[in-house]
Amino acid sequence: MTNNEFLDYCKSELTNSLHNTKLRKPDDKQKYRTEGLLHAARLMGLMSVQQVSHMIATQHQAFLGKVWSNDKRVRLH
């Protein structure tokens, strides 16, 4: 798997997690797995904390129609 394929996979998992939340069928296992993938992307140097935050905010806005709240950010440090 290339770096870009990994990042695409991370985005896909985030999208799936938010889609399930929108359908009122949240899956905590999927949510935590997605957080782990994003954390791994940061640790591998593929994304910065700001890039991860931007990806989450963008997908959150697209799927849930809400601005992502600062108090609900994933802890990445």
Protein backbone atom coordinates (compact mmCIF):
# COMPACT_ATOMS: atom_id res chain seq x y z
CA MET A 1 0.00 0.00 0.00
CA THR A 2 1.41 3.37 -0.97
CA ASN A 3 1.21 6.46 1.23
CA ASN A 4 -1.54 7.94 -0.95
CA GLU A 5 -3.52 4.70 -0.83
CA PHE A 6 -3.22 4.71 2.96
CA LEU A 7 -4.44 8.31 3.16
CA ASP A 8 -7.34 7.50 0.82
CA TYR A 9 -8.20 4.55 3.07
CA CYS A 10 -8.14 6.81 6.14
CA LYS A 11 -10.49 9.27 4.43
CA SER A 12 -12.78 6.42 3.35
CA GLU A 13 -12.98 5.07 6.89
CA LEU A 14 -13.72 8.55 8.24
CA THR A 15 -16.43 8.97 5.62
CA ASN A 16 -17.99 5.61 6.54
CA SER A 17 -17.92 6.44 10.23
CA LEU A 18 -19.63 9.80 9.69
CA HIS A 19 -22.14 8.25 7.30
CA ASN A 20 -23.16 5.74 9.98
CA THR A 21 -23.46 8.56 12.50
CA LYS A 22 -25.71 10.46 10.10
CA LEU A 23 -27.91 7.36 9.81
CA ARG A 24 -28.07 7.31 13.64
CA LYS A 25 -26.15 4.02 13.69
CA PRO A 26 -22.84 5.04 15.24
CA ASP A 27 -20.24 2.30 15.50
CA ASP A 28 -17.77 2.97 18.31
CA LYS A 29 -15.35 0.29 17.11
CA GLN A 30 -15.21 1.87 13.67
CA LYS A 31 -14.84 5.34 15.19
CA TYR A 32 -11.89 4.31 17.36
CA ARG A 33 -10.30 2.35 14.50
CA THR A 34 -10.59 5.46 12.30
CA GLU A 35 -9.03 7.62 15.01
CA GLY A 36 -6.18 5.11 15.20
CA LEU A 37 -5.64 5.26 11.45
CA LEU A 38 -5.49 9.05 11.52
CA HIS A 39 -3.10 8.93 14.47
CA ALA A 40 -0.90 6.48 12.55
CA ALA A 41 -0.89 8.79 9.51
CA ARG A 42 0.35 11.58 11.75
CA LEU A 43 3.01 9.43 13.40
CA MET A 44 4.27 8.22 10.02
CA GLY A 45 4.64 11.84 8.91
CA LEU A 46 2.00 11.55 6.20
CA MET A 47 -0.18 14.25 7.73
CA SER A 48 0.26 17.02 10.27
CA VAL A 49 -2.13 17.56 13.16
CA GLN A 50 -3.57 20.50 11.22
CA GLN A 51 -4.12 18.36 8.11
CA VAL A 52 -5.86 15.68 10.15
CA SER A 53 -8.05 18.31 11.81
CA HIS A 54 -8.86 19.82 8.42
CA MET A 55 -9.81 16.41 6.99
CA ILE A 56 -12.10 15.68 9.93
CA ALA A 57 -13.70 19.14 9.80
CA THR A 58 -14.27 18.94 6.04
CA GLN A 59 -15.83 15.49 6.17
CA HIS A 60 -17.88 16.41 9.24
CA GLN A 61 -19.29 19.45 7.44
CA ALA A 62 -20.00 17.43 4.28
CA PHE A 63 -21.82 14.58 6.00
CA LEU A 64 -23.45 16.12 9.02
CA GLY A 65 -23.88 19.68 7.80
CA LYS A 66 -22.36 21.06 10.99
CA VAL A 67 -19.14 22.82 11.78
CA TRP A 68 -16.89 20.53 13.76
CA SER A 69 -16.67 21.67 17.38
CA ASN A 70 -13.23 22.30 18.91
CA ASP A 71 -14.17 20.50 22.12
CA LYS A 72 -14.80 17.25 20.22
CA ARG A 73 -11.45 17.05 18.43
CA VAL A 74 -9.56 13.80 18.36
CA ARG A 75 -6.52 13.87 20.62
CA LEU A 76 -3.55 13.40 18.35
CA HIS A 77 -0.64 14.47 20.54
